[in-house]
């Protein structure tokens, strides 16, 4: 994982009109969560730089604001209904080298011997910010129908803890559905094509 730097500015005006104006200027709308020692901050920054950092697998950001730097991770991204426009970025303050919890997606790998079913798309992990991965990989390769994958079965990268009870079910492999048999043609009044003549 890499980290990235964003030059930020305080949002002087709030509300949808001001936000639309900033987005039209290529700025991303964001906020930095309050914690016990710091206040909530509304800010904005260059959206293209943010997307480039995310494509580069950055999860830890140094937010430069008014001459000071805050280390933060993305807590939530809000998109429009079509998923095309980034509406808001919510950051969570972190301390480098100190463990924090974050939500990451699951990535199921391999081909199971049946149908993969899962209710969880993301999981909460605990690690230092520099170790936050793009995803947690769960191998289902070759698993037979009836297999239940539990949290204890997931091989976690070194330094990362999965914040789930060991018995929590991650996925289950079910039987393949058999192809429906073609319906037999109904007989009505003899073989098809025969008819009686008066």
Protein backbone atom coordinates (compact mmCIF):
# COMPACT_ATOMS: atom_id res chain seq x y z
CA UNK A 1 0.00 0.00 0.00
CA UNK A 2 1.14 3.53 -0.71
CA UNK A 3 0.14 6.80 0.86
CA UNK A 4 -0.60 10.15 -0.75
CA UNK A 5 -0.64 13.87 -0.05
CA UNK A 6 -3.61 16.16 -0.72
CA UNK A 7 -3.48 19.95 -0.60
CA UNK A 8 -6.77 20.91 1.06
CA UNK A 9 -8.73 24.09 1.70
CA UNK A 10 -11.48 24.89 4.19
CA UNK A 11 -15.01 25.01 2.79
CA UNK A 12 -16.06 28.54 3.63
CA UNK A 13 -19.64 28.04 2.46
CA UNK A 14 -21.69 24.88 2.99
CA UNK A 15 -24.82 23.64 1.22
CA UNK A 16 -25.64 22.05 -2.11
CA UNK A 17 -25.18 25.22 -4.19
CA UNK A 18 -21.69 25.85 -2.87
CA UNK A 19 -20.83 22.16 -3.30
CA UNK A 20 -21.97 22.16 -6.93
CA UNK A 21 -19.84 25.22 -7.59
CA UNK A 22 -16.76 23.53 -6.15
CA UNK A 23 -17.39 20.32 -8.10
CA UNK A 24 -17.66 22.37 -11.30
CA UNK A 25 -14.15 23.64 -10.50
CA UNK A 26 -12.86 20.08 -10.22
CA UNK A 27 -12.83 20.03 -6.43
CA UNK A 28 -13.89 17.09 -4.27
CA UNK A 29 -16.14 17.79 -1.29
CA UNK A 30 -14.96 16.19 1.93
CA UNK A 31 -15.03 16.22 5.71
CA UNK A 32 -12.62 15.14 8.43
CA UNK A 33 -14.33 13.44 11.36
CA UNK A 34 -14.08 14.91 14.82
CA UNK A 35 -12.40 12.93 17.57
CA UNK A 36 -11.74 13.50 21.26
CA UNK A 37 -8.92 15.95 20.52
CA UNK A 38 -9.89 17.53 17.20
CA UNK A 39 -12.98 19.22 15.71
CA UNK A 40 -14.92 18.29 12.59
CA UNK A 41 -13.51 19.99 9.50
CA UNK A 42 -15.23 20.62 6.14
CA UNK A 43 -12.74 20.81 3.29
CA UNK A 44 -12.17 20.40 -0.43
CA UNK A 45 -9.28 19.36 -2.68
CA UNK A 46 -8.41 18.48 -6.28
CA UNK A 47 -10.62 15.54 -7.28
CA UNK A 48 -8.33 14.29 -10.05
CA UNK A 49 -5.43 14.01 -7.58
CA UNK A 50 -7.62 12.02 -5.20
CA UNK A 51 -8.73 9.55 -7.90
CA UNK A 52 -5.13 9.15 -9.10
CA UNK A 53 -4.05 8.32 -5.55
CA UNK A 54 -6.83 5.76 -5.20
CA UNK A 55 -5.87 4.13 -8.49
CA UNK A 56 -2.36 3.92 -7.06
CA UNK A 57 -3.80 1.93 -4.11
CA UNK A 58 -3.36 4.73 -1.58
CA UNK A 59 -5.33 4.28 1.62
CA UNK A 60 -3.42 6.59 3.95
CA UNK A 61 -3.61 10.29 3.13
CA UNK A 62 -1.69 13.29 4.45
CA UNK A 63 -4.17 16.16 4.34
CA UNK A 64 -2.29 19.44 4.20
CA UNK A 65 -4.46 22.24 5.54
CA UNK A 66 -3.52 25.74 6.70
CA UNK A 67 0.12 24.83 7.16
CA UNK A 68 -0.52 21.67 9.18
CA UNK A 69 -0.80 18.01 8.19
CA UNK A 70 -3.43 15.49 9.32
CA UNK A 71 -3.05 11.77 8.59
CA UNK A 72 -6.35 10.17 7.64
CA UNK A 73 -7.96 7.21 5.91
CA UNK A 74 -11.13 7.17 3.82
CA UNK A 75 -14.06 6.11 5.99
CA UNK A 76 -16.80 6.45 3.36
CA UNK A 77 -17.29 7.51 -0.25
CA UNK A 78 -20.67 8.83 -1.40
CA UNK A 79 -21.58 8.69 -5.10
CA UNK A 80 -24.59 9.84 -7.09
CA UNK A 81 -27.32 7.35 -8.04
CA UNK A 82 -25.49 6.35 -11.24
CA UNK A 83 -22.16 5.96 -9.51
CA UNK A 84 -20.55 8.48 -11.86
CA UNK A 85 -20.13 11.56 -9.67
CA UNK A 86 -18.26 11.60 -6.36
CA UNK A 87 -20.45 13.56 -3.96
CA UNK A 88 -18.53 13.40 -0.70
CA UNK A 89 -15.46 11.88 0.93
CA UNK A 90 -15.47 11.27 4.67
CA UNK A 91 -12.05 10.92 6.28
CA UNK A 92 -11.14 9.41 9.64
CA UNK A 93 -8.13 10.74 11.53
CA UNK A 94 -5.42 8.17 12.28
CA UNK A 95 -1.97 8.09 13.84
CA UNK A 96 0.82 6.55 11.83
CA UNK A 97 2.04 3.35 13.45
CA UNK A 98 -1.05 3.05 15.66
CA UNK A 99 -3.70 0.43 14.92
CA UNK A 100 -7.07 1.57 13.62
CA UNK A 101 -10.18 -0.18 12.36
CA UNK A 102 -11.26 0.15 8.73
CA UNK A 103 -13.71 -1.50 6.36
CA UNK A 104 -12.34 -3.32 3.30
CA UNK A 105 -14.05 -5.42 0.60
CA UNK A 106 -13.87 -9.19 0.37
CA UNK A 107 -12.39 -10.72 -2.79
CA UNK A 108 -13.34 -14.35 -3.40
CA UNK A 109 -10.72 -16.17 -5.47
CA UNK A 110 -10.69 -19.49 -7.30
CA UNK A 111 -13.47 -21.68 -8.70
CA UNK A 112 -15.63 -23.63 -6.24
CA UNK A 113 -17.26 -26.97 -7.01
CA UNK A 114 -20.70 -25.45 -6.58
CA UNK A 115 -22.48 -22.11 -6.30
CA UNK A 116 -20.84 -19.48 -4.10
CA UNK A 117 -23.26 -17.71 -1.75
CA UNK A 118 -22.21 -14.93 0.61
CA UNK A 119 -23.94 -12.19 2.59
CA UNK A 120 -20.82 -10.19 3.45
CA UNK A 121 -19.24 -7.88 0.88
CA UNK A 122 -16.98 -6.02 3.31
CA UNK A 123 -15.35 -6.78 6.64
CA UNK A 124 -13.80 -4.71 9.41
CA UNK A 125 -10.09 -5.16 10.01
CA UNK A 126 -7.61 -3.76 12.53
CA UNK A 127 -4.05 -2.80 11.60
CA UNK A 128 -1.71 0.15 11.35
CA UNK A 129 -2.78 2.52 8.54
CA UNK A 130 0.19 1.70 6.31
CA UNK A 131 -0.91 -1.96 6.10
CA UNK A 132 -4.53 -1.42 5.03
CA UNK A 133 -5.02 -3.65 1.93
CA UNK A 134 -7.22 -3.12 -1.12
CA UNK A 135 -9.20 -6.23 -0.13
CA UNK A 136 -9.18 -9.37 1.98
CA UNK A 137 -8.83 -12.43 -0.26
CA UNK A 138 -10.91 -15.52 0.51
CA UNK A 139 -10.01 -18.66 -1.46
CA UNK A 140 -12.95 -20.85 -2.46
CA UNK A 141 -11.05 -22.81 -5.08
CA UNK A 142 -12.25 -26.42 -5.33
CA UNK A 143 -14.57 -26.23 -2.31
CA UNK A 144 -17.33 -28.84 -2.50
CA UNK A 145 -21.08 -28.19 -2.06
CA UNK A 146 -22.02 -28.05 1.60
CA UNK A 147 -18.76 -26.33 2.60
CA UNK A 148 -19.17 -23.41 5.01
CA UNK A 149 -16.37 -20.84 5.01
CA UNK A 150 -15.97 -19.23 8.43
CA UNK A 151 -13.94 -16.27 9.60
CA UNK A 152 -11.44 -18.68 11.14
CA UNK A 153 -10.79 -20.14 7.65
CA UNK A 154 -9.63 -16.83 6.19
CA UNK A 155 -5.84 -16.54 5.90
CA UNK A 156 -5.06 -12.97 6.98
CA UNK A 157 -1.96 -11.04 5.88
CA UNK A 158 0.65 -10.52 8.56
CA UNK A 159 -0.15 -7.63 10.88
CA UNK A 160 -3.86 -7.53 10.02
CA UNK A 161 -6.61 -8.76 12.34
CA UNK A 162 -10.11 -9.68 11.17
CA UNK A 163 -12.66 -8.15 13.54
CA UNK A 164 -15.15 -11.02 13.39
CA UNK A 165 -15.94 -13.93 15.69
CA UNK A 166 -14.14 -17.05 14.49
CA UNK A 167 -17.45 -18.86 13.87
CA UNK A 168 -18.95 -16.08 11.72
CA UNK A 169 -19.98 -17.52 8.36
CA UNK A 170 -18.34 -15.78 5.41
CA UNK A 171 -19.75 -17.93 2.61
CA UNK A 172 -21.32 -21.29 1.80
CA UNK A 173 -21.00 -23.44 -1.30
CA UNK A 174 -24.30 -24.92 -2.49
CA UNK A 175 -25.20 -27.53 -5.13
CA UNK A 176 -25.40 -26.54 -8.76
CA UNK A 177 -28.99 -26.35 -9.93
CA UNK A 178 -29.80 -29.10 -12.40
CA UNK A 179 -30.96 -27.97 -15.83
CA UNK A 180 -34.73 -28.08 -16.14
CA UNK A 181 -35.94 -31.05 -18.20
CA UNK A 182 -37.86 -30.07 -21.35
CA UNK A 183 -41.60 -30.37 -20.92
CA UNK A 184 -43.18 -33.30 -22.70
CA UNK A 185 -45.58 -32.41 -25.42
CA UNK A 186 -49.16 -32.85 -24.34
CA UNK A 187 -51.23 -35.31 -26.31
CA UNK A 188 -54.56 -33.92 -27.29
CA UNK A 189 -56.76 -35.66 -29.81
CA UNK A 190 -54.08 -38.05 -31.16
CA UNK A 191 -50.66 -37.44 -32.70
CA UNK A 192 -49.76 -33.93 -33.79
CA UNK A 193 -50.78 -33.27 -37.37
CA UNK A 194 -53.59 -35.88 -37.43
CA UNK A 195 -57.15 -34.69 -37.82
CA UNK A 196 -60.46 -36.35 -38.55
CA UNK A 197 -62.46 -35.49 -41.60
CA UNK A 198 -66.26 -35.63 -41.77
